[in-house]
């Protein structure tokens, strides 16, 4: 007698986390962290993340830890690893740049990593392939920028030491960049 029952197919991790990770709660969290308060007479909005960011030393770190709740919810709900990595990059950018006094705090208010991450979570659940491709492109650009940030100082140091070596040891040496 052949087996005719069909297995039930469930999305991975989709229903784990209960009410804590539902859209309504995550939307509220992202709003409270990023745009809960509006400056009267302007369209400028900020949230608790922007306020806490003004505390020297630990403010941006505390805001980054609060931002991780949306990332954990995305992972629990089965969002692709590329999109989760993009969400982590959004928070990392916010924390690193936000740690610069005053200018970083203004960037933190404008960047709104939590609203971005919530939009990625919702979009990734609705259109997973589109958001995965966009996330890979974003991560590629971030990697190129980071590589540039590493290579640029190395090239500058090579140029300085080449000039110093040329100055100290005379015109007999041709230097690294003179042969190019």
N, C-alpha and C. Protein backbone atom coordinates (compact mmCIF):
# COMPACT_ATOMS: atom_id res chain seq x y z
N UNK A 1 0.84 -1.17 0.00
CA UNK A 1 0.00 0.00 0.00
C UNK A 1 0.90 1.24 0.00
N UNK A 2 0.79 2.10 -1.01
CA UNK A 2 1.66 3.27 -1.11
C UNK A 2 1.25 4.36 -0.12
N UNK A 3 2.23 5.14 0.28
CA UNK A 3 2.03 6.25 1.21
C UNK A 3 1.56 7.47 0.41
N UNK A 4 0.37 8.01 0.71
CA UNK A 4 -0.21 9.09 -0.09
C UNK A 4 -0.32 10.42 0.66
N UNK A 5 0.01 10.47 1.91
CA UNK A 5 -0.11 11.72 2.67
C UNK A 5 0.98 12.69 2.23
N UNK A 6 0.61 13.94 2.10
CA UNK A 6 1.59 14.98 1.74
C UNK A 6 2.10 15.66 3.01
N UNK A 7 3.39 15.92 3.06
CA UNK A 7 3.92 16.59 4.26
C UNK A 7 3.49 18.06 4.29
N UNK A 8 3.35 18.58 5.48
CA UNK A 8 3.01 19.99 5.64
C UNK A 8 4.29 20.81 5.55
N UNK A 9 4.29 21.86 4.74
CA UNK A 9 5.47 22.69 4.56
C UNK A 9 5.28 23.97 5.36
N UNK A 10 6.18 24.22 6.29
CA UNK A 10 6.12 25.41 7.12
C UNK A 10 7.34 26.29 6.83
N UNK A 11 7.16 27.59 6.88
CA UNK A 11 8.28 28.50 6.74
C UNK A 11 9.17 28.37 7.97
N UNK A 12 10.47 28.37 7.78
CA UNK A 12 11.36 28.21 8.92
C UNK A 12 11.28 29.41 9.87
N UNK A 13 11.22 29.14 11.16
CA UNK A 13 11.28 30.13 12.23
C UNK A 13 10.22 31.22 12.13
N UNK A 14 9.22 31.09 11.27
CA UNK A 14 8.30 32.18 11.01
C UNK A 14 7.42 32.52 12.22
N UNK A 15 6.97 31.56 12.95
CA UNK A 15 6.04 31.84 14.04
C UNK A 15 6.68 31.81 15.41
N UNK A 16 7.98 31.70 15.48
CA UNK A 16 8.64 31.71 16.77
C UNK A 16 8.74 33.14 17.28
N UNK A 17 8.80 33.32 18.57
CA UNK A 17 8.95 34.64 19.15
C UNK A 17 7.64 35.21 19.66
N UNK A 18 6.54 34.62 19.27
CA UNK A 18 5.25 35.05 19.77
C UNK A 18 4.93 36.50 19.47
N UNK A 19 4.16 37.12 20.36
CA UNK A 19 3.71 38.50 20.17
C UNK A 19 4.85 39.51 20.28
N UNK A 20 5.92 39.17 20.97
CA UNK A 20 7.02 40.12 21.15
C UNK A 20 7.62 40.55 19.81
N UNK A 21 7.64 39.65 18.84
CA UNK A 21 8.26 39.94 17.55
C UNK A 21 7.23 40.15 16.43
N UNK A 22 5.99 40.49 16.78
CA UNK A 22 5.02 40.74 15.71
C UNK A 22 5.24 42.13 15.13
N UNK A 23 4.66 42.38 13.96
CA UNK A 23 4.88 43.63 13.23
C UNK A 23 4.48 44.86 14.05
N UNK A 24 3.38 44.77 14.74
CA UNK A 24 2.88 45.91 15.50
C UNK A 24 3.89 46.35 16.57
N UNK A 25 4.41 45.39 17.33
CA UNK A 25 5.37 45.71 18.39
C UNK A 25 6.71 46.20 17.82
N UNK A 26 7.17 45.59 16.74
CA UNK A 26 8.44 46.00 16.15
C UNK A 26 8.32 47.38 15.50
N UNK A 27 7.18 47.68 14.89
CA UNK A 27 6.96 49.00 14.33
C UNK A 27 6.96 50.06 15.44
N UNK A 28 6.29 49.76 16.54
CA UNK A 28 6.26 50.67 17.68
C UNK A 28 7.68 50.89 18.23
N UNK A 29 8.43 49.82 18.38
CA UNK A 29 9.81 49.93 18.88
C UNK A 29 10.66 50.80 17.96
N UNK A 30 10.56 50.58 16.66
CA UNK A 30 11.38 51.37 15.73
C UNK A 30 10.96 52.84 15.75
N UNK A 31 9.68 53.10 15.91
CA UNK A 31 9.21 54.50 16.00
C UNK A 31 9.70 55.17 17.29
N UNK A 32 9.60 54.46 18.40
CA UNK A 32 10.05 55.03 19.68
C UNK A 32 11.55 55.31 19.63
N UNK A 33 12.31 54.42 19.02
CA UNK A 33 13.76 54.61 18.96
C UNK A 33 14.18 55.68 17.96
N UNK A 34 13.44 55.85 16.85
CA UNK A 34 13.93 56.73 15.78
C UNK A 34 13.12 58.00 15.51
N UNK A 35 11.81 57.98 15.65
CA UNK A 35 11.07 59.18 15.26
C UNK A 35 9.81 59.44 16.08
N UNK A 36 9.90 59.23 17.37
CA UNK A 36 8.77 59.38 18.26
C UNK A 36 8.46 60.85 18.57
N UNK A 37 9.49 61.70 18.58
CA UNK A 37 9.34 63.10 18.98
C UNK A 37 9.57 63.99 17.75
N UNK A 38 8.71 64.99 17.56
CA UNK A 38 8.88 65.94 16.45
C UNK A 38 9.18 67.30 17.03
N UNK A 39 10.18 67.98 16.44
CA UNK A 39 10.47 69.35 16.84
C UNK A 39 9.36 70.23 16.26
N UNK A 40 8.66 70.98 17.12
CA UNK A 40 7.52 71.78 16.64
C UNK A 40 7.93 72.77 15.55
N UNK A 41 7.08 72.87 14.52
CA UNK A 41 7.32 73.79 13.43
C UNK A 41 8.28 73.27 12.37
N UNK A 42 8.79 72.03 12.53
CA UNK A 42 9.72 71.44 11.56
C UNK A 42 9.25 70.03 11.24
N UNK A 43 9.91 69.43 10.27
CA UNK A 43 9.64 68.03 9.96
C UNK A 43 10.69 67.12 10.58
N UNK A 44 11.53 67.67 11.43
CA UNK A 44 12.61 66.89 12.07
C UNK A 44 12.02 66.06 13.20
N UNK A 45 12.30 64.76 13.12
CA UNK A 45 11.81 63.82 14.13
C UNK A 45 13.00 63.05 14.68
N UNK A 46 12.93 62.67 15.94
CA UNK A 46 13.96 61.85 16.56
C UNK A 46 13.31 61.02 17.65
N UNK A 47 14.06 60.06 18.14
CA UNK A 47 13.52 59.18 19.16
C UNK A 47 14.48 59.00 20.31
N UNK A 48 14.22 57.99 21.11
CA UNK A 48 15.05 57.74 22.27
C UNK A 48 16.50 57.43 21.89
N UNK A 49 16.69 56.79 20.74
CA UNK A 49 18.04 56.47 20.28
C UNK A 49 18.84 57.75 20.07
N UNK A 50 18.22 58.77 19.50
CA UNK A 50 18.90 60.04 19.30
C UNK A 50 19.19 60.76 20.60
N UNK A 51 18.27 60.66 21.57
CA UNK A 51 18.47 61.30 22.87
C UNK A 51 19.58 60.61 23.64
N UNK A 52 19.53 59.29 23.70
CA UNK A 52 20.54 58.52 24.44
C UNK A 52 21.91 58.70 23.79
N UNK A 53 21.95 58.93 22.47
CA UNK A 53 23.22 59.10 21.77
C UNK A 53 24.02 60.29 22.26
N UNK A 54 23.37 61.26 22.90
CA UNK A 54 24.09 62.43 23.42
C UNK A 54 24.84 62.14 24.71
N UNK A 55 24.62 60.98 25.32
CA UNK A 55 25.37 60.61 26.53
C UNK A 55 26.75 60.15 26.09
N UNK A 56 27.80 60.88 26.50
CA UNK A 56 29.15 60.52 26.05
C UNK A 56 29.57 59.13 26.52
N UNK A 57 30.22 58.42 25.64
CA UNK A 57 30.80 57.12 25.99
C UNK A 57 29.88 55.94 25.78
N UNK A 58 28.72 55.95 26.42
CA UNK A 58 27.87 54.76 26.37
C UNK A 58 26.55 54.95 25.62
N UNK A 59 26.20 56.19 25.30
CA UNK A 59 24.90 56.45 24.68
C UNK A 59 24.67 55.70 23.39
N UNK A 60 25.65 55.76 22.47
CA UNK A 60 25.48 55.08 21.18
C UNK A 60 25.51 53.57 21.35
N UNK A 61 26.28 53.09 22.31
CA UNK A 61 26.33 51.65 22.56
C UNK A 61 24.98 51.14 23.08
N UNK A 62 24.38 51.89 23.99
CA UNK A 62 23.06 51.50 24.52
C UNK A 62 22.02 51.52 23.40
N UNK A 63 22.05 52.57 22.56
CA UNK A 63 21.13 52.64 21.42
C UNK A 63 21.33 51.49 20.47
N UNK A 64 22.59 51.09 20.23
CA UNK A 64 22.89 49.95 19.35
C UNK A 64 22.37 48.64 19.91
N UNK A 65 22.47 48.48 21.22
CA UNK A 65 21.96 47.26 21.85
C UNK A 65 20.43 47.20 21.71
N UNK A 66 19.76 48.33 21.91
CA UNK A 66 18.29 48.36 21.74
C UNK A 66 17.93 48.06 20.29
N UNK A 67 18.74 48.51 19.34
CA UNK A 67 18.48 48.27 17.92
C UNK A 67 18.59 46.79 17.56
N UNK A 68 19.33 46.04 18.35
CA UNK A 68 19.52 44.61 18.07
C UNK A 68 18.24 43.80 18.23
N UNK A 69 17.26 44.34 18.93
CA UNK A 69 16.00 43.61 19.11
C UNK A 69 15.34 43.36 17.75
N UNK A 70 15.36 44.35 16.88
CA UNK A 70 14.75 44.19 15.55
C UNK A 70 15.55 43.18 14.73
N UNK A 71 16.85 43.17 14.88
CA UNK A 71 17.70 42.21 14.16
C UNK A 71 17.41 40.79 14.63
N UNK A 72 17.28 40.61 15.93
CA UNK A 72 16.96 39.27 16.47
C UNK A 72 15.59 38.83 15.97
N UNK A 73 14.63 39.76 15.95
CA UNK A 73 13.28 39.43 15.45
C UNK A 73 13.35 39.00 13.99
N UNK A 74 14.18 39.69 13.19
CA UNK A 74 14.31 39.32 11.77
C UNK A 74 14.88 37.91 11.64
N UNK A 75 15.87 37.59 12.43
CA UNK A 75 16.48 36.26 12.37
C UNK A 75 15.45 35.20 12.80
N UNK A 76 14.73 35.49 13.87
CA UNK A 76 13.73 34.54 14.37
C UNK A 76 12.64 34.31 13.34
N UNK A 77 12.28 35.36 12.61
CA UNK A 77 11.19 35.25 11.62
C UNK A 77 11.66 34.68 10.28
N UNK A 78 12.93 34.35 10.14
CA UNK A 78 13.41 33.65 8.96
C UNK A 78 13.88 34.54 7.82
N UNK A 79 14.24 35.79 8.12
CA UNK A 79 14.76 36.69 7.09
C UNK A 79 16.11 36.15 6.61
N UNK A 80 16.43 36.36 5.34
CA UNK A 80 17.67 35.83 4.77
C UNK A 80 18.89 36.37 5.52
N UNK A 81 19.96 35.58 5.50
CA UNK A 81 21.18 35.98 6.20
C UNK A 81 21.79 37.25 5.61
N UNK A 82 21.65 37.45 4.32
CA UNK A 82 22.18 38.67 3.69
C UNK A 82 21.44 39.90 4.22
N UNK A 83 20.13 39.79 4.37
CA UNK A 83 19.35 40.92 4.89
C UNK A 83 19.66 41.15 6.36
N UNK A 84 19.82 40.09 7.13
CA UNK A 84 20.20 40.24 8.54
C UNK A 84 21.57 40.90 8.64
N UNK A 85 22.51 40.52 7.78
CA UNK A 85 23.84 41.15 7.77
C UNK A 85 23.73 42.63 7.41
N UNK A 86 22.84 42.95 6.48
CA UNK A 86 22.63 44.36 6.13
C UNK A 86 22.07 45.13 7.31
N UNK A 87 21.17 44.52 8.05
CA UNK A 87 20.61 45.15 9.23
C UNK A 87 21.69 45.40 10.28
N UNK A 88 22.57 44.43 10.45
CA UNK A 88 23.69 44.59 11.39
C UNK A 88 24.59 45.73 10.92
N UNK A 89 24.83 45.81 9.61
CA UNK A 89 25.66 46.90 9.06
C UNK A 89 24.99 48.25 9.30
N UNK A 90 23.67 48.34 9.15
CA UNK A 90 22.96 49.59 9.43
C UNK A 90 23.19 50.05 10.86
N UNK A 91 23.06 49.12 11.80
CA UNK A 91 23.25 49.47 13.21
C UNK A 91 24.72 49.80 13.48
N UNK A 92 25.64 49.05 12.88
CA UNK A 92 27.07 49.32 13.08
C UNK A 92 27.43 50.71 12.56
N UNK A 93 26.91 51.07 11.40
CA UNK A 93 27.16 52.41 10.85
C UNK A 93 26.62 53.47 11.81
N UNK A 94 25.42 53.24 12.31
CA UNK A 94 24.81 54.20 13.23
C UNK A 94 25.63 54.35 14.51
N UNK A 95 26.12 53.24 15.05
CA UNK A 95 26.88 53.30 16.30
C UNK A 95 28.25 53.93 16.08
N UNK A 96 28.95 53.53 15.02
CA UNK A 96 30.30 54.04 14.79
C UNK A 96 30.27 55.52 14.44
N UNK A 97 29.47 55.90 13.46
CA UNK A 97 29.42 57.31 13.07
C UNK A 97 28.75 58.13 14.17
N UNK A 98 27.77 57.57 14.84
CA UNK A 98 27.08 58.27 15.92
C UNK A 98 27.96 58.55 17.12
N UNK A 99 29.08 57.85 17.26
CA UNK A 99 29.97 58.09 18.39
C UNK A 99 30.81 59.36 18.23
N UNK A 100 30.78 59.97 17.05
CA UNK A 100 31.45 61.26 16.84
C UNK A 100 30.60 62.33 17.52
N UNK A 101 31.20 63.13 18.40
CA UNK A 101 30.39 64.13 19.12
C UNK A 101 29.67 65.09 18.17
N UNK A 102 28.47 65.44 18.49
CA UNK A 102 27.56 66.38 17.84
C UNK A 102 27.22 65.98 16.40
N UNK A 103 28.21 65.98 15.49
CA UNK A 103 27.92 65.60 14.10
C UNK A 103 27.41 64.17 14.01
N UNK A 104 28.00 63.28 14.79
CA UNK A 104 27.54 61.89 14.82
C UNK A 104 26.13 61.76 15.34
N UNK A 105 25.79 62.59 16.30
CA UNK A 105 24.42 62.56 16.84
C UNK A 105 23.42 63.03 15.80
N UNK A 106 23.79 64.04 15.02
CA UNK A 106 22.91 64.49 13.95
C UNK A 106 22.78 63.40 12.87
N UNK A 107 23.89 62.73 12.56
CA UNK A 107 23.84 61.62 11.61
C UNK A 107 22.92 60.52 12.14
N UNK A 108 23.05 60.21 13.43
CA UNK A 108 22.25 59.17 14.06
C UNK A 108 20.76 59.47 13.91
N UNK A 109 20.38 60.72 14.09
CA UNK A 109 18.97 61.11 13.96
C UNK A 109 18.52 60.98 12.51
N UNK A 110 19.39 61.34 11.56
CA UNK A 110 19.03 61.28 10.14
C UNK A 110 19.06 59.86 9.58
N UNK A 111 19.97 59.01 10.06
CA UNK A 111 20.16 57.67 9.50
C UNK A 111 18.98 56.76 9.81
N UNK A 112 18.44 56.81 11.00
CA UNK A 112 17.27 56.03 11.42
C UNK A 112 17.41 54.54 11.12
N UNK A 113 18.42 53.95 11.67
CA UNK A 113 18.70 52.53 11.40
C UNK A 113 17.53 51.63 11.79
N UNK A 114 16.82 51.96 12.83
CA UNK A 114 15.71 51.10 13.27
C UNK A 114 14.55 51.12 12.29
N UNK A 115 14.23 52.30 11.75
CA UNK A 115 13.17 52.39 10.74
C UNK A 115 13.61 51.65 9.48
N UNK A 116 14.89 51.80 9.10
CA UNK A 116 15.41 51.09 7.93
C UNK A 116 15.31 49.58 8.15
N UNK A 117 15.73 49.15 9.33
CA UNK A 117 15.73 47.71 9.60
C UNK A 117 14.33 47.15 9.67
N UNK A 118 13.39 47.91 10.23
CA UNK A 118 12.01 47.43 10.25
C UNK A 118 11.47 47.31 8.82
N UNK A 119 11.77 48.30 7.98
CA UNK A 119 11.33 48.24 6.57
C UNK A 119 11.97 47.04 5.87
N UNK A 120 13.24 46.74 6.16
CA UNK A 120 13.89 45.56 5.57
C UNK A 120 13.20 44.28 6.03
N UNK A 121 12.86 44.22 7.31
CA UNK A 121 12.19 43.03 7.86
C UNK A 121 10.86 42.81 7.17
N UNK A 122 10.04 43.83 7.10
CA UNK A 122 8.71 43.69 6.48
C UNK A 122 8.85 43.37 4.99
N UNK A 123 9.72 44.10 4.31
CA UNK A 123 9.91 43.87 2.88
C UNK A 123 10.48 42.50 2.58
N UNK A 124 11.34 42.04 3.46
CA UNK A 124 11.97 40.73 3.24
C UNK A 124 10.98 39.59 3.44
N UNK A 125 10.02 39.80 4.32
CA UNK A 125 8.99 38.77 4.52
C UNK A 125 8.06 38.75 3.30
N UNK A 126 7.76 39.95 2.74
CA UNK A 126 6.85 40.04 1.59
C UNK A 126 7.52 39.66 0.28
N UNK A 127 8.76 40.15 0.04
CA UNK A 127 9.49 39.89 -1.20
C UNK A 127 10.93 39.48 -0.87
N UNK A 128 11.13 38.24 -0.46
CA UNK A 128 12.45 37.84 0.02
C UNK A 128 13.57 37.94 -1.03
N UNK A 129 13.31 37.57 -2.26
CA UNK A 129 14.38 37.58 -3.28
C UNK A 129 14.85 39.01 -3.57
N UNK A 130 13.92 39.93 -3.71
CA UNK A 130 14.27 41.32 -4.02
C UNK A 130 15.15 41.90 -2.92
N UNK A 131 14.77 41.70 -1.68
CA UNK A 131 15.52 42.28 -0.57
C UNK A 131 16.85 41.58 -0.35
N UNK A 132 16.93 40.31 -0.67
CA UNK A 132 18.21 39.61 -0.55
C UNK A 132 19.20 40.15 -1.55
N UNK A 133 18.78 40.36 -2.79
CA UNK A 133 19.66 40.93 -3.80
C UNK A 133 20.11 42.33 -3.42
N UNK A 134 19.18 43.17 -2.99
CA UNK A 134 19.53 44.53 -2.57
C UNK A 134 20.49 44.50 -1.39
N UNK A 135 20.30 43.56 -0.49
CA UNK A 135 21.18 43.45 0.68
C UNK A 135 22.59 43.06 0.26
N UNK A 136 22.71 42.12 -0.69
CA UNK A 136 24.04 41.74 -1.18
C UNK A 136 24.73 42.93 -1.82
N UNK A 137 24.00 43.72 -2.60
CA UNK A 137 24.58 44.91 -3.23
C UNK A 137 25.04 45.92 -2.17
N UNK A 138 24.21 46.15 -1.18
CA UNK A 138 24.56 47.07 -0.10
C UNK A 138 25.81 46.59 0.63
N UNK A 139 25.86 45.30 0.95
CA UNK A 139 27.03 44.75 1.66
C UNK A 139 28.28 44.84 0.80
N UNK A 140 28.13 44.66 -0.52
CA UNK A 140 29.27 44.81 -1.42
C UNK A 140 29.83 46.23 -1.40
N UNK A 141 28.94 47.21 -1.42
CA UNK A 141 29.37 48.61 -1.35
C UNK A 141 30.05 48.90 0.00
N UNK A 142 29.48 48.39 1.08
CA UNK A 142 30.09 48.58 2.40
C UNK A 142 31.49 47.97 2.43
N UNK A 143 31.66 46.78 1.86
CA UNK A 143 32.98 46.14 1.82
C UNK A 143 33.97 46.96 0.99
N UNK A 144 33.53 47.52 -0.14
CA UNK A 144 34.40 48.36 -0.95
C UNK A 144 34.82 49.62 -0.20
N UNK A 145 33.89 50.24 0.51
CA UNK A 145 34.21 51.43 1.29
C UNK A 145 35.20 51.08 2.40
N UNK A 146 34.98 49.98 3.09
CA UNK A 146 35.91 49.56 4.14
C UNK A 146 37.29 49.24 3.58
N UNK A 147 37.34 48.59 2.43
CA UNK A 147 38.63 48.31 1.79
C UNK A 147 39.34 49.61 1.44
N UNK A 148 38.59 50.59 0.94
CA UNK A 148 39.17 51.90 0.64
C UNK A 148 39.69 52.59 1.88
N UNK A 149 38.95 52.46 2.99
CA UNK A 149 39.39 53.07 4.24
C UNK A 149 40.66 52.42 4.78
N UNK A 150 40.89 51.17 4.45
CA UNK A 150 42.12 50.49 4.85
C UNK A 150 43.26 50.80 3.88
N UNK A 151 42.98 50.76 2.60
CA UNK A 151 44.02 50.95 1.58
C UNK A 151 44.51 52.39 1.47
N UNK A 152 43.62 53.35 1.62
CA UNK A 152 44.02 54.75 1.48
C UNK A 152 45.11 55.15 2.47
N UNK A 153 44.98 54.86 3.76
CA UNK A 153 46.08 55.20 4.67
C UNK A 153 47.37 54.43 4.35
N UNK A 154 47.24 53.18 3.90
CA UNK A 154 48.43 52.41 3.54
C UNK A 154 49.15 53.04 2.36
N UNK A 155 48.40 53.47 1.35
CA UNK A 155 49.01 54.15 0.20
C UNK A 155 49.64 55.47 0.61
N UNK A 156 48.97 56.20 1.49
CA UNK A 156 49.51 57.47 1.97
C UNK A 156 50.81 57.25 2.75
N UNK A 157 50.84 56.26 3.61
CA UNK A 157 52.06 55.94 4.36
C UNK A 157 53.19 55.50 3.43
N UNK A 158 52.87 54.72 2.42
CA UNK A 158 53.88 54.29 1.46
C UNK A 158 54.46 55.49 0.73
N UNK A 159 53.61 56.42 0.34
CA UNK A 159 54.06 57.63 -0.35
C UNK A 159 54.94 58.48 0.56
N UNK A 160 54.55 58.64 1.84
CA UNK A 160 55.34 59.44 2.78
C UNK A 160 56.69 58.79 3.03
N UNK A 161 56.71 57.49 3.28
CA UNK A 161 57.98 56.81 3.54
C UNK A 161 58.86 56.78 2.30
N UNK A 162 58.27 56.71 1.13
CA UNK A 162 59.03 56.75 -0.10
C UNK A 162 59.72 58.10 -0.25
N UNK A 163 58.98 59.17 0.00
CA UNK A 163 59.58 60.51 -0.06
C UNK A 163 60.65 60.71 0.99
N UNK A 164 60.40 60.20 2.19
CA UNK A 164 61.39 60.29 3.27
C UNK A 164 62.64 59.50 2.92
N UNK A 165 62.48 58.32 2.41
CA UNK A 165 63.62 57.49 2.01
C UNK A 165 64.41 58.18 0.90
N UNK A 166 63.70 58.77 -0.05
CA UNK A 166 64.33 59.48 -1.16
C UNK A 166 65.11 60.70 -0.65
N UNK A 167 64.55 61.41 0.32
CA UNK A 167 65.20 62.59 0.88
C UNK A 167 66.44 62.20 1.69
N UNK A 168 66.35 61.15 2.48
CA UNK A 168 67.46 60.74 3.33
C UNK A 168 68.62 60.12 2.56
N UNK A 169 68.33 59.36 1.55
CA UNK A 169 69.38 58.62 0.87
C UNK A 169 69.70 59.16 -0.52
N UNK A 170 69.19 60.31 -0.84
CA UNK A 170 69.61 61.00 -2.05
C UNK A 170 68.90 60.55 -3.31
N UNK A 171 69.39 61.09 -4.41
CA UNK A 171 68.77 60.85 -5.70
C UNK A 171 69.17 59.53 -6.33
N UNK A 172 70.03 58.77 -5.69
CA UNK A 172 70.44 57.47 -6.23
C UNK A 172 69.32 56.46 -6.21
N UNK A 173 68.41 56.60 -5.24
CA UNK A 173 67.27 55.68 -5.20
C UNK A 173 66.14 56.28 -6.01
N UNK A 174 65.36 55.46 -6.62
CA UNK A 174 64.30 55.94 -7.49
C UNK A 174 62.95 55.93 -6.80
N UNK A 175 62.82 55.28 -5.66
CA UNK A 175 61.55 55.26 -4.94
C UNK A 175 60.53 54.34 -5.59
N UNK A 176 59.51 54.07 -4.86
CA UNK A 176 58.48 53.16 -5.35
C UNK A 176 57.65 53.77 -6.47
N UNK A 177 57.27 55.04 -6.32
CA UNK A 177 56.35 55.64 -7.27
C UNK A 177 57.06 56.24 -8.48
N UNK A 178 58.37 56.36 -8.42
CA UNK A 178 59.09 56.91 -9.56
C UNK A 178 59.23 55.90 -10.68
N UNK A 179 59.12 54.63 -10.36
CA UNK A 179 59.24 53.60 -11.40
C UNK A 179 57.92 53.34 -12.09
N UNK A 180 56.83 53.81 -11.50
CA UNK A 180 55.51 53.58 -12.11
C UNK A 180 55.33 54.56 -13.19
